[in-house]
Amino acid sequence: MSEIYEVDVSRLTPDSPEVIKNQATINLGTIGHVAHGKSTVVKAISGVMTVRFKNELERNITIKLGYANAKIYKCENEKCPRPGCYKSYRSDMEERPPCERPGCGSRMKLVRHVSFVDCPGHDILMATMLNGAAVMDAALLLIAGNETCPQPQTSEHLAAVEIMKLKHIIILQNKVDLIREQAAVEHHKSIMAFVKGTIAESSPIIPISAQLKYNIDAVNEYILRTIPTPVRDFTSSPKLIVIRSFDVNKPGAEIADLRGGVAGGSILQGVLRLNQEVEIRPGIITKDNEGKVRCRPIFSKIVSLLAEKNELKFAVPGGLIGVGTRIDPTLCRADRLVGQVLGAVGDLPAVYTGSTSTGGRVMSTKGDLVKILLTSPACTEVGEKVALSRRIDKHWRLVGWGSVRRGTTIDLD
């Protein structure tokens, strides 16, 4: 039997070199209206194209949540001028690459390893964006300079991150290569007027061209200077929020070559280790003969931990992690585990809505209290924030938010 990988978590921090060389420790969301350049900016910073699916490539829009990791470096030469001394690369980049500025000759030091959650900007895909908002630590709000501000999803996405109480937002005024200087100045004023009185009022506004990679070094500098790495809890029992799950087996694979399902998400607290026994709640949801909802948690073992292509022995909070398990792949296929919570056996909360999108009917209201009957159970905790969307003209629209006060728990089978 393979032993659980042991690591002294007490001496680890989110910026420890042995952590950030392999894994991202902060999640940045890219938010904003459709076709304002969210995926392009992620590609400019990380070198990774998050638009991967055939129907996305054909329509050039993001439909599923996109993911990419990037390492941000700073030149060790103090005389290297900013913002050019900041450079970002893919997550599999070596530890100390040479500085690319002509005549510098110095090496670059790894300062931060970030994960991007690339959200769709189309209004029909609002539910997908809210799932992504559950794991964001900070956000890049993209606003295209060649369109009037604000566009519909610009407002909705900003409202969604206000609900999640995101304090750190950087506004990117994209596509400045397509407009004249005076138009850019006027557009900048309209952005200032739009964010006045919101959580993004004091956020920096950086003019960029994601397509031409203009000012991307300045974006890297602002990520380091204005977005602190969140304080992480490494010592509590681990809890990972699942925001995607899939079956990695190809059709027609030999039985001996079949691999268990993979759950992807972000660890909220604690450290997951290779070969650790884990539990997923609520697990398999069914109804008995009387129509009562039953939940059966899924138990398994971690057989692999991946941050993009980097294989890990242990995974810490922050960043997006793929957890390879021995779970029947059909249970993980096509995001079936999204919204579930993975953690140490017996240590998970009873009733969590972090990334779950579940339907519900409003049963009664009193003052600012609402009683909602959920169509399927969510593993949640009292005090958890929830976003409320309503179907209007076939589209899900963000209509409000609240926090869980109490609920009816389900006995697990």
Protein backbone atom coordinates (compact mmCIF):
# COMPACT_ATOMS: atom_id res chain seq x y z
CA MET A 1 0.00 0.00 0.00
CA SER A 2 1.35 3.46 -0.89
CA GLU A 3 1.89 5.81 2.03
CA ILE A 4 0.26 9.25 2.34
CA TYR A 5 2.78 11.93 1.37
CA GLU A 6 3.87 13.76 4.54
CA VAL A 7 4.74 17.46 4.58
CA ASP A 8 5.35 19.90 7.45
CA VAL A 9 2.51 22.36 6.74
CA SER A 10 3.42 24.62 9.67
CA ARG A 11 6.42 26.08 7.79
CA LEU A 12 4.63 26.63 4.47
CA THR A 13 3.25 30.00 3.32
CA PRO A 14 1.40 30.90 0.08
CA ASP A 15 4.61 32.57 -1.15
CA SER A 16 7.07 29.81 -0.12
CA PRO A 17 9.41 29.09 -3.09
CA GLU A 18 8.76 25.31 -2.84
CA VAL A 19 5.02 26.01 -3.16
CA ILE A 20 4.91 28.65 -5.94
CA LYS A 21 7.41 26.89 -8.21
CA ASN A 22 4.79 24.14 -8.72
CA GLN A 23 1.41 25.59 -7.87
CA ALA A 24 -0.59 28.83 -8.09
CA THR A 25 -1.69 30.24 -4.73
CA ILE A 26 -4.14 32.94 -5.81
CA ASN A 27 -7.17 32.90 -8.13
CA LEU A 28 -7.83 35.89 -10.39
CA GLY A 29 -11.13 36.08 -12.25
CA THR A 30 -11.47 37.82 -15.62
CA ILE A 31 -14.90 39.41 -15.81
CA GLY A 32 -16.73 41.74 -18.19
CA HIS A 33 -19.02 41.86 -21.23
CA VAL A 34 -18.91 39.35 -24.09
CA ALA A 35 -16.10 39.98 -26.66
CA HIS A 36 -14.32 42.58 -24.51
CA GLY A 37 -11.12 40.50 -24.54
CA LYS A 38 -11.16 38.44 -21.32
CA SER A 39 -9.71 35.26 -22.86
CA THR A 40 -7.25 37.31 -24.95
CA VAL A 41 -5.87 39.03 -21.84
CA VAL A 42 -5.40 35.65 -20.12
CA LYS A 43 -3.51 34.42 -23.20
CA ALA A 44 -1.35 37.58 -23.21
CA ILE A 45 -0.36 37.04 -19.55
CA SER A 46 -0.15 33.23 -19.36
CA GLY A 47 0.42 32.11 -22.95
CA VAL A 48 -2.55 29.72 -22.55
CA MET A 49 -5.66 29.88 -24.75
CA THR A 50 -8.63 29.19 -22.49
CA VAL A 51 -11.11 28.91 -25.39
CA ARG A 52 -10.73 25.19 -26.13
CA PHE A 53 -14.07 23.73 -27.18
CA LYS A 54 -15.16 23.44 -30.82
CA ASN A 55 -18.34 25.54 -30.43
CA GLU A 56 -16.34 28.17 -28.50
CA LEU A 57 -13.67 28.42 -31.21
CA GLU A 58 -16.30 28.70 -33.96
CA ARG A 59 -18.14 31.54 -32.19
CA ASN A 60 -15.02 33.03 -30.52
CA ILE A 61 -16.74 33.24 -27.13
CA THR A 62 -16.14 31.48 -23.82
CA ILE A 63 -18.96 29.08 -22.83
CA LYS A 64 -17.40 26.90 -20.14
CA LEU A 65 -15.17 28.36 -17.43
CA GLY A 66 -11.64 28.64 -18.81
CA TYR A 67 -8.50 28.06 -16.76
CA ALA A 68 -4.85 29.02 -17.08
CA ASN A 69 -1.89 29.42 -14.73
CA ALA A 70 0.89 31.99 -15.05
CA LYS A 71 4.17 32.69 -13.26
CA ILE A 72 5.04 36.37 -12.71
CA TYR A 73 8.75 37.22 -12.46
CA LYS A 74 10.71 40.36 -11.54
CA CYS A 75 14.23 41.10 -12.80
CA GLU A 76 16.88 40.83 -10.05
CA ASN A 77 18.72 43.85 -11.51
CA GLU A 78 17.58 46.88 -9.46
CA LYS A 79 18.36 49.20 -12.41
CA CYS A 80 16.00 47.35 -14.78
CA PRO A 81 13.24 49.97 -15.43
CA ARG A 82 9.64 49.26 -14.47
CA PRO A 83 7.18 48.09 -15.69
CA GLY A 84 9.46 46.24 -18.15
CA CYS A 85 11.21 44.44 -15.27
CA TYR A 86 8.00 42.40 -14.73
CA LYS A 87 7.34 39.46 -17.05
CA SER A 88 4.86 36.59 -17.04
CA TYR A 89 5.21 33.08 -18.49
CA ARG A 90 3.41 29.73 -18.59
CA SER A 91 3.36 27.68 -15.38
CA ASP A 92 5.95 25.17 -16.67
CA MET A 93 8.62 27.89 -17.04
CA GLU A 94 12.03 27.32 -15.40
CA GLU A 95 12.74 28.95 -12.02
CA ARG A 96 15.19 31.72 -13.02
CA PRO A 97 14.87 32.65 -16.72
CA PRO A 98 17.14 35.37 -18.16
CA CYS A 99 15.78 38.94 -18.38
CA GLU A 100 14.66 39.69 -21.96
CA ARG A 101 15.56 43.41 -21.89
CA PRO A 102 18.45 43.99 -24.33
CA GLY A 103 21.74 44.60 -22.51
CA CYS A 104 20.45 43.61 -19.04
CA GLY A 105 21.97 40.11 -18.77
CA SER A 106 20.44 39.55 -15.31
CA ARG A 107 18.16 36.72 -14.17
CA MET A 108 14.49 36.94 -13.18
CA LYS A 109 13.09 35.84 -9.81
CA LEU A 110 9.72 34.10 -9.45
CA VAL A 111 7.49 36.35 -7.31
CA ARG A 112 3.94 35.05 -7.77
CA HIS A 113 2.12 32.07 -9.33
CA VAL A 114 -1.47 32.89 -10.27
CA SER A 115 -4.48 30.97 -11.59
CA PHE A 116 -6.92 32.66 -13.96
CA VAL A 117 -10.63 31.79 -13.92
CA ASP A 118 -11.83 33.03 -17.32
CA CYS A 119 -15.59 33.67 -17.08
CA PRO A 120 -17.99 33.82 -20.02
CA GLY A 121 -19.39 37.30 -20.70
CA HIS A 122 -22.56 36.24 -22.51
CA ASP A 123 -25.75 36.85 -20.51
CA ILE A 124 -27.13 33.32 -21.10
CA LEU A 125 -23.94 32.00 -19.44
CA MET A 126 -24.34 34.06 -16.26
CA ALA A 127 -24.78 30.90 -14.14
CA THR A 128 -21.33 29.67 -15.27
CA MET A 129 -19.81 33.02 -14.31
CA LEU A 130 -21.33 32.82 -10.80
CA ASN A 131 -19.80 29.34 -10.35
CA GLY A 132 -16.40 30.87 -11.16
CA ALA A 133 -16.95 33.80 -8.76
CA ALA A 134 -17.07 31.28 -5.90
CA VAL A 135 -13.31 30.67 -6.06
CA MET A 136 -12.01 34.14 -6.99
CA ASP A 137 -9.65 36.05 -4.68
CA ALA A 138 -9.52 39.11 -6.95
CA ALA A 139 -10.74 40.14 -10.39
CA LEU A 140 -9.62 41.81 -13.61
CA LEU A 141 -12.60 43.75 -15.01
CA LEU A 142 -12.29 44.15 -18.79
CA ILE A 143 -13.99 47.07 -20.51
CA ALA A 144 -13.52 47.49 -24.28
CA GLY A 145 -12.57 51.05 -25.22
CA ASN A 146 -14.36 50.88 -28.58
CA GLU A 147 -17.84 50.37 -27.03
CA THR A 148 -19.88 52.56 -24.70
CA CYS A 149 -19.52 51.84 -20.98
CA PRO A 150 -21.22 50.10 -19.25
CA GLN A 151 -22.46 47.18 -21.35
CA PRO A 152 -25.09 44.84 -19.73
CA GLN A 153 -22.76 42.07 -18.51
CA THR A 154 -20.18 44.62 -17.30
CA SER A 155 -22.77 45.76 -14.74
CA GLU A 156 -23.93 42.23 -13.87
CA HIS A 157 -20.43 40.84 -13.37
CA LEU A 158 -19.48 43.79 -11.17
CA ALA A 159 -22.64 43.18 -9.11
CA ALA A 160 -21.70 39.49 -8.79
CA VAL A 161 -18.20 40.24 -7.46
CA GLU A 162 -19.71 42.79 -5.04
CA ILE A 163 -21.85 39.94 -3.65
CA MET A 164 -18.73 37.82 -3.20
CA LYS A 165 -17.17 40.79 -1.33
CA LEU A 166 -14.09 40.87 -3.58
CA LYS A 167 -12.00 43.80 -2.38
CA HIS A 168 -9.27 43.73 -5.03
CA ILE A 169 -10.22 44.62 -8.61
CA ILE A 170 -8.05 45.93 -11.45
CA ILE A 171 -9.91 47.58 -14.35
CA LEU A 172 -8.41 47.02 -17.80
CA GLN A 173 -9.46 49.45 -20.54
CA ASN A 174 -8.86 47.10 -23.46
CA LYS A 175 -8.63 47.67 -27.24
CA VAL A 176 -7.06 51.15 -26.92
CA ASP A 177 -5.27 50.41 -30.21
CA LEU A 178 -8.64 50.76 -31.97
CA ILE A 179 -9.49 54.28 -30.75
CA ARG A 180 -7.98 57.77 -30.89
CA GLU A 181 -6.41 59.39 -27.83
CA GLN A 182 -9.29 61.82 -27.15
CA ALA A 183 -11.86 59.00 -27.40
CA ALA A 184 -9.79 56.95 -24.92
CA VAL A 185 -9.78 59.87 -22.45
CA GLU A 186 -13.58 60.29 -22.74
CA HIS A 187 -14.05 56.53 -22.34
CA HIS A 188 -11.83 56.59 -19.24
CA LYS A 189 -14.15 59.23 -17.74
CA SER A 190 -17.21 57.05 -18.45
CA ILE A 191 -15.50 54.11 -16.64
CA MET A 192 -14.84 56.37 -13.62
CA ALA A 193 -18.51 57.43 -13.58
CA PHE A 194 -19.67 53.79 -13.92
CA VAL A 195 -17.62 52.46 -10.96
CA LYS A 196 -18.38 55.45 -8.67
CA GLY A 197 -20.05 54.20 -5.50
CA THR A 198 -19.19 50.53 -6.22
CA ILE A 199 -16.56 48.22 -4.76
CA ALA A 200 -14.30 49.13 -7.74
CA GLU A 201 -14.40 52.91 -7.16
CA SER A 202 -10.74 53.20 -6.12
CA SER A 203 -9.47 50.45 -8.45
CA PRO A 204 -6.63 51.29 -10.86
CA ILE A 205 -7.61 51.65 -14.54
CA ILE A 206 -4.90 50.45 -16.96
CA PRO A 207 -5.17 51.12 -20.73
CA ILE A 208 -4.08 47.98 -22.61
CA SER A 209 -4.24 46.14 -25.91
CA ALA A 210 -4.45 42.43 -25.09
CA GLN A 211 -4.10 41.52 -28.77
CA LEU A 212 -0.84 43.49 -29.19
CA LYS A 213 0.32 42.72 -25.61
CA TYR A 214 0.63 46.47 -25.01
CA ASN A 215 1.01 47.36 -21.28
CA ILE A 216 0.79 43.70 -20.13
CA ASP A 217 3.98 44.25 -18.08
CA ALA A 218 2.12 47.06 -16.25
CA VAL A 219 -0.77 44.64 -15.54
CA ASN A 220 1.75 42.18 -14.04
CA GLU A 221 3.18 44.94 -11.85
CA TYR A 222 -0.28 45.99 -10.61
CA ILE A 223 -1.20 42.35 -9.85
CA LEU A 224 1.87 42.17 -7.58
CA ARG A 225 1.48 45.63 -6.05
CA THR A 226 -2.28 45.91 -5.50
CA ILE A 227 -3.43 42.31 -4.98
CA PRO A 228 -1.97 40.75 -1.83
CA THR A 229 -1.75 36.96 -1.57
CA PRO A 230 -4.69 36.05 0.71
CA VAL A 231 -3.99 34.69 4.17
CA ARG A 232 -4.39 30.92 3.83
CA ASP A 233 -5.28 28.26 6.40
CA PHE A 234 -2.86 25.34 5.89
CA THR A 235 -3.54 23.53 9.18
CA SER A 236 -7.33 22.90 9.17
CA SER A 237 -8.93 19.82 7.63
CA PRO A 238 -8.79 20.17 3.80
CA LYS A 239 -11.83 21.36 1.85
CA LEU A 240 -11.86 21.66 -1.96
CA ILE A 241 -14.73 23.21 -3.89
CA VAL A 242 -15.35 21.35 -7.19
CA ILE A 243 -15.91 23.68 -10.17
CA ARG A 244 -15.41 21.09 -12.91
CA SER A 245 -15.14 17.30 -13.18
CA PHE A 246 -14.40 14.99 -16.07
CA ASP A 247 -13.63 11.52 -17.35
CA VAL A 248 -10.09 11.41 -18.81
CA ASN A 249 -10.55 8.04 -20.55
CA LYS A 250 -10.75 7.94 -24.34
CA PRO A 251 -13.53 5.87 -25.97
CA GLY A 252 -12.43 2.29 -26.65
CA ALA A 253 -9.67 2.28 -24.01
CA GLU A 254 -8.58 -1.12 -22.69
CA ILE A 255 -9.98 -2.03 -19.24
CA ALA A 256 -6.46 -2.26 -17.80
CA ASP A 257 -5.79 1.33 -18.93
CA LEU A 258 -8.95 2.90 -17.46
CA ARG A 259 -8.39 5.69 -14.94
CA GLY A 260 -10.68 7.09 -12.24
CA GLY A 261 -12.55 10.39 -12.54
CA VAL A 262 -10.89 13.78 -12.02
CA ALA A 263 -12.30 16.61 -9.89
CA GLY A 264 -10.98 20.11 -10.54
CA GLY A 265 -11.30 23.02 -8.16
CA SER A 266 -9.72 25.24 -5.59
CA ILE A 267 -8.74 24.26 -2.05
CA LEU A 268 -10.34 26.66 0.43
CA GLN A 269 -8.42 25.42 3.47
CA GLY A 270 -6.00 22.68 4.54
CA VAL A 271 -3.55 20.64 2.45
CA LEU A 272 -4.43 17.67 0.21
CA ARG A 273 -1.78 14.94 -0.05
CA LEU A 274 -1.07 12.15 -2.50
CA ASN A 275 -2.66 8.80 -1.46
CA GLN A 276 -4.99 10.50 1.05
CA GLU A 277 -8.47 9.00 1.65
CA VAL A 278 -11.16 11.57 0.75
CA GLU A 279 -14.93 12.04 0.77
CA ILE A 280 -17.18 14.02 -1.60
CA ARG A 281 -20.46 15.50 -0.36
CA PRO A 282 -23.41 15.54 -1.00
CA GLY A 283 -22.27 12.72 -3.34
CA ILE A 284 -24.85 10.65 -5.23
CA ILE A 285 -28.29 12.28 -4.93
CA THR A 286 -31.38 10.10 -5.41
CA LYS A 287 -35.04 10.02 -4.34
CA ASP A 288 -36.64 7.09 -2.50
CA ASN A 289 -40.12 5.66 -3.13
CA GLU A 290 -41.72 8.36 -0.95
CA GLY A 291 -40.03 11.14 -2.96
CA LYS A 292 -37.60 11.95 -0.14
CA VAL A 293 -34.13 13.12 -1.23
CA ARG A 294 -31.27 10.79 -0.26
CA CYS A 295 -27.56 11.64 -0.36
CA ARG A 296 -24.78 9.06 -0.45
CA PRO A 297 -21.28 10.54 -0.06
CA ILE A 298 -18.59 9.23 -2.42
CA PHE A 299 -15.41 7.85 -0.81
CA SER A 300 -12.14 7.52 -2.70
CA LYS A 301 -8.38 7.96 -2.64
CA ILE A 302 -6.19 10.64 -4.25
CA VAL A 303 -3.99 8.97 -6.90
CA SER A 304 -2.66 12.16 -8.53
CA LEU A 305 -2.53 15.92 -7.94
CA LEU A 306 -1.93 18.26 -10.88
CA ALA A 307 -1.55 22.01 -11.33
CA GLU A 308 -1.78 22.23 -15.14
CA LYS A 309 1.15 19.98 -16.22
CA ASN A 310 2.99 20.13 -12.88
CA GLU A 311 2.64 16.94 -10.83
CA LEU A 312 2.31 17.66 -7.09
CA LYS A 313 2.99 15.62 -3.95
CA PHE A 314 0.76 17.98 -1.95
CA ALA A 315 -1.64 20.80 -2.86
CA VAL A 316 -2.25 23.97 -0.84
CA PRO A 317 -5.14 26.50 -0.82
CA GLY A 318 -5.49 28.88 -3.77
CA GLY A 319 -4.96 28.13 -7.43
CA LEU A 320 -6.79 25.50 -9.44
CA ILE A 321 -5.97 21.84 -8.84
CA GLY A 322 -6.89 18.63 -10.64
CA VAL A 323 -7.47 15.75 -8.21
CA GLY A 324 -7.17 12.29 -9.78
CA THR A 325 -9.24 9.69 -7.88
CA ARG A 326 -10.44 6.10 -8.11
CA ILE A 327 -14.06 7.22 -8.52
CA ASP A 328 -16.11 5.59 -11.30
CA PRO A 329 -15.43 7.97 -14.25
CA THR A 330 -19.15 8.09 -15.18
CA LEU A 331 -19.85 9.96 -11.91
CA CYS A 332 -17.37 12.68 -12.94
CA ARG A 333 -18.22 12.94 -16.64
CA ALA A 334 -19.39 16.32 -18.03
CA ASP A 335 -19.09 18.33 -14.81
CA ARG A 336 -21.45 16.08 -12.82
CA LEU A 337 -19.60 16.80 -9.55
CA VAL A 338 -19.65 20.61 -9.94
CA GLY A 339 -20.69 22.31 -6.71
CA GLN A 340 -19.77 19.36 -4.51
CA VAL A 341 -17.18 19.54 -1.75
CA LEU A 342 -14.15 17.24 -1.46
CA GLY A 343 -12.27 16.81 1.81
CA ALA A 344 -10.98 14.52 4.54
CA VAL A 345 -13.33 11.67 5.47
CA GLY A 346 -15.88 12.72 8.12
CA ASP A 347 -14.79 16.37 8.33
CA LEU A 348 -17.05 18.06 5.74
CA PRO A 349 -20.00 20.40 6.53
CA ALA A 350 -23.52 19.02 6.71
CA VAL A 351 -25.79 21.15 4.50
CA TYR A 352 -22.46 24.45 0.92
CA THR A 353 -23.35 26.48 -2.08
CA GLY A 354 -19.88 27.74 -3.03
CA SER A 355 -20.05 26.65 -6.66
CA THR A 356 -23.40 24.88 -6.78
CA SER A 357 -26.05 26.24 -9.11
CA THR A 358 -29.27 24.72 -7.85
CA GLY A 359 -32.87 25.63 -8.60
CA GLY A 360 -35.32 26.61 -5.90
CA ARG A 361 -38.83 27.88 -5.20
CA VAL A 362 -39.52 30.79 -2.86
CA MET A 363 -41.94 29.37 -0.25
CA SER A 364 -42.35 32.42 2.00
CA THR A 365 -40.82 35.81 2.81
CA LYS A 366 -40.73 37.84 6.02
CA GLY A 367 -38.81 41.13 6.19
CA ASP A 368 -35.44 40.34 4.61
CA LEU A 369 -35.75 36.58 5.26
CA VAL A 370 -36.65 34.26 2.38
CA LYS A 371 -37.49 30.57 2.68
CA ILE A 372 -36.38 28.69 -0.44
CA LEU A 373 -37.10 25.04 -1.23
CA LEU A 374 -34.09 23.74 -3.20
CA THR A 375 -34.65 21.35 -6.10
CA SER A 376 -31.46 19.49 -5.19
CA PRO A 377 -29.45 19.59 -1.93
CA ALA A 378 -26.29 21.67 -1.49
CA CYS A 379 -23.48 20.93 0.96
CA THR A 380 -23.23 24.30 2.75
CA GLU A 381 -22.56 26.14 6.00
CA VAL A 382 -24.50 28.80 7.92
CA GLY A 383 -23.24 32.25 6.92
CA GLU A 384 -22.33 31.19 3.36
CA LYS A 385 -23.11 33.87 0.75
CA VAL A 386 -25.44 32.97 -2.10
CA ALA A 387 -26.30 34.78 -5.33
CA LEU A 388 -29.93 34.67 -6.46
CA SER A 389 -30.73 34.60 -10.18
CA ARG A 390 -34.14 34.54 -11.82
CA ARG A 391 -35.14 33.38 -15.28
CA ILE A 392 -36.34 36.39 -17.26
CA ASP A 393 -36.99 36.03 -21.03
CA LYS A 394 -35.15 32.65 -21.14
CA HIS A 395 -32.03 34.22 -19.57
CA TRP A 396 -30.77 33.91 -15.99
CA ARG A 397 -30.46 37.40 -14.46
CA LEU A 398 -28.80 38.25 -11.18
CA VAL A 399 -31.61 39.60 -8.94
CA GLY A 400 -30.08 39.64 -5.47
CA TRP A 401 -27.98 37.97 -2.83
CA GLY A 402 -28.20 36.71 0.72
CA SER A 403 -26.53 34.47 3.25
CA VAL A 404 -27.59 31.10 4.67
CA ARG A 405 -29.22 31.58 8.10
CA ARG A 406 -30.41 28.03 8.69
CA GLY A 407 -31.58 24.99 6.78
CA THR A 408 -32.89 21.46 6.99
CA THR A 409 -30.06 18.94 6.97
CA ILE A 410 -30.33 15.58 5.25
CA ASP A 411 -29.15 12.39 6.91
CA LEU A 412 -26.41 10.86 4.77
CA ASP A 413 -26.71 7.20 3.79
